Amino acid sequence: MEIPPKAERTREMRNSAEVKRLFEREAVCFGASDGMPEYRAVQLFGAEAVAFARKMSGSNGYGIGSFTAQYLTERGVHIAATYLNVKEIEQEERLHGGPRE
């Protein structure tokens, strides 16, 4: 099976170190820990990936009375990125042949 060069792929997959740097760049303080605001996670990863991350890692929010800000932990951001990586692998395998389950 011939794999096209990375530049021809529909999107770049991220490794753990890249995801960690992205989290560190985008995270803000929520109480005594950091998190990526959910709206920003949706911009970066898409609503489907964020919904999957929330399902797998739980929902996180910090409220100040009339408003609760939803956010992803570092683990949640890794899950959202992994979701996109797996979707990309699925697409590549469908386009170019390969294992499927």
Protein backbone atom coordinates (compact mmCIF):
# COMPACT_ATOMS: atom_id res chain seq x y z
CA MET A 1 0.00 0.00 0.00
CA GLU A 2 1.45 3.34 -1.04
CA ILE A 3 1.04 6.17 1.45
CA PRO A 4 0.85 9.73 0.08
CA PRO A 5 3.26 12.28 1.54
CA LYS A 6 2.09 14.08 4.67
CA ALA A 7 1.43 17.26 2.68
CA GLU A 8 -1.24 15.43 0.66
CA ARG A 9 -3.16 14.20 3.69
CA THR A 10 -6.39 15.98 4.50
CA ARG A 11 -5.09 17.24 7.86
CA GLU A 12 -2.09 16.85 10.09
CA MET A 13 -2.27 14.37 12.91
CA ARG A 14 -0.80 15.47 16.23
CA ASN A 15 1.44 13.54 18.59
CA SER A 16 1.31 13.79 22.39
CA ALA A 17 4.06 16.40 22.64
CA GLU A 18 2.26 18.66 20.15
CA VAL A 19 -1.03 18.26 22.00
CA LYS A 20 0.65 19.07 25.31
CA ARG A 21 2.17 22.26 23.83
CA LEU A 22 -1.22 23.22 22.36
CA PHE A 23 -2.89 22.69 25.74
CA GLU A 24 -0.23 24.75 27.52
CA ARG A 25 -0.69 27.57 24.98
CA GLU A 26 -4.51 27.60 25.13
CA ALA A 27 -5.22 26.69 28.77
CA VAL A 28 -6.48 29.18 31.34
CA CYS A 29 -6.91 28.98 35.09
CA PHE A 30 -10.06 27.37 36.50
CA GLY A 31 -9.73 27.40 40.27
CA ALA A 32 -6.50 25.60 41.14
CA SER A 33 -6.07 23.84 37.79
CA ASP A 34 -5.83 24.66 34.10
CA GLY A 35 -8.24 23.86 31.33
CA MET A 36 -9.01 24.73 27.74
CA PRO A 37 -12.31 26.60 27.39
CA GLU A 38 -14.75 24.39 25.56
CA TYR A 39 -15.53 27.03 22.92
CA ARG A 40 -11.81 27.12 22.04
CA ALA A 41 -11.58 23.33 21.97
CA VAL A 42 -14.51 23.26 19.53
CA GLN A 43 -12.72 25.81 17.32
CA LEU A 44 -9.56 23.68 17.31
CA PHE A 45 -10.97 20.15 17.21
CA GLY A 46 -14.64 20.42 16.21
CA ALA A 47 -17.82 19.77 18.13
CA GLU A 48 -17.81 16.02 17.47
CA ALA A 49 -14.32 15.53 18.91
CA VAL A 50 -15.13 17.66 21.96
CA ALA A 51 -18.38 15.78 22.59
CA PHE A 52 -16.43 12.51 22.44
CA ALA A 53 -13.81 13.87 24.85
CA ARG A 54 -16.52 14.96 27.30
CA LYS A 55 -18.08 11.51 27.08
CA MET A 56 -14.76 9.79 27.76
CA SER A 57 -13.29 12.12 30.38
CA GLY A 58 -16.33 13.75 31.96
CA SER A 59 -17.67 17.26 31.95
CA ASN A 60 -15.81 20.06 33.68
CA GLY A 61 -17.19 23.45 34.57
CA TYR A 62 -16.40 26.39 36.77
CA GLY A 63 -19.29 28.57 37.84
CA ILE A 64 -19.41 32.12 39.12
CA GLY A 65 -23.11 32.31 39.87
CA SER A 66 -25.15 32.94 36.75
CA PHE A 67 -22.61 31.41 34.34
CA THR A 68 -20.61 28.20 34.26
CA ALA A 69 -17.65 27.99 31.90
CA GLN A 70 -17.20 24.52 30.43
CA TYR A 71 -13.65 23.35 29.78
CA LEU A 72 -11.51 20.35 28.87
CA THR A 73 -8.70 19.14 31.08
CA GLU A 74 -5.37 18.23 29.51
CA ARG A 75 -6.60 14.63 29.36
CA GLY A 76 -9.76 15.78 27.58
CA VAL A 77 -7.72 17.73 25.03
CA HIS A 78 -5.60 14.64 24.37
CA ILE A 79 -8.78 12.62 23.84
CA ALA A 80 -10.19 15.21 21.39
CA ALA A 81 -6.91 15.20 19.42
CA THR A 82 -6.85 11.40 19.45
CA TYR A 83 -10.41 11.34 18.13
CA LEU A 84 -9.31 13.45 15.16
CA ASN A 85 -6.22 11.29 14.62
CA VAL A 86 -8.35 8.14 14.50
CA LYS A 87 -10.82 9.79 12.10
CA GLU A 88 -7.89 10.75 9.87
CA ILE A 89 -6.51 7.21 9.96
CA GLU A 90 -9.96 5.89 9.11
CA GLN A 91 -10.20 8.26 6.14
CA GLU A 92 -6.71 7.34 4.90
CA GLU A 93 -7.48 3.63 5.12
CA ARG A 94 -10.77 4.07 3.26
CA LEU A 95 -9.04 6.06 0.51
CA HIS A 96 -5.98 3.89 0.16
CA GLY A 97 -7.10 0.51 1.40
CA GLY A 98 -6.11 -0.97 4.67
CA PRO A 99 -7.41 -2.68 7.77
CA ARG A 100 -10.93 -2.00 8.91
CA GLU A 101 -13.00 -3.32 11.77
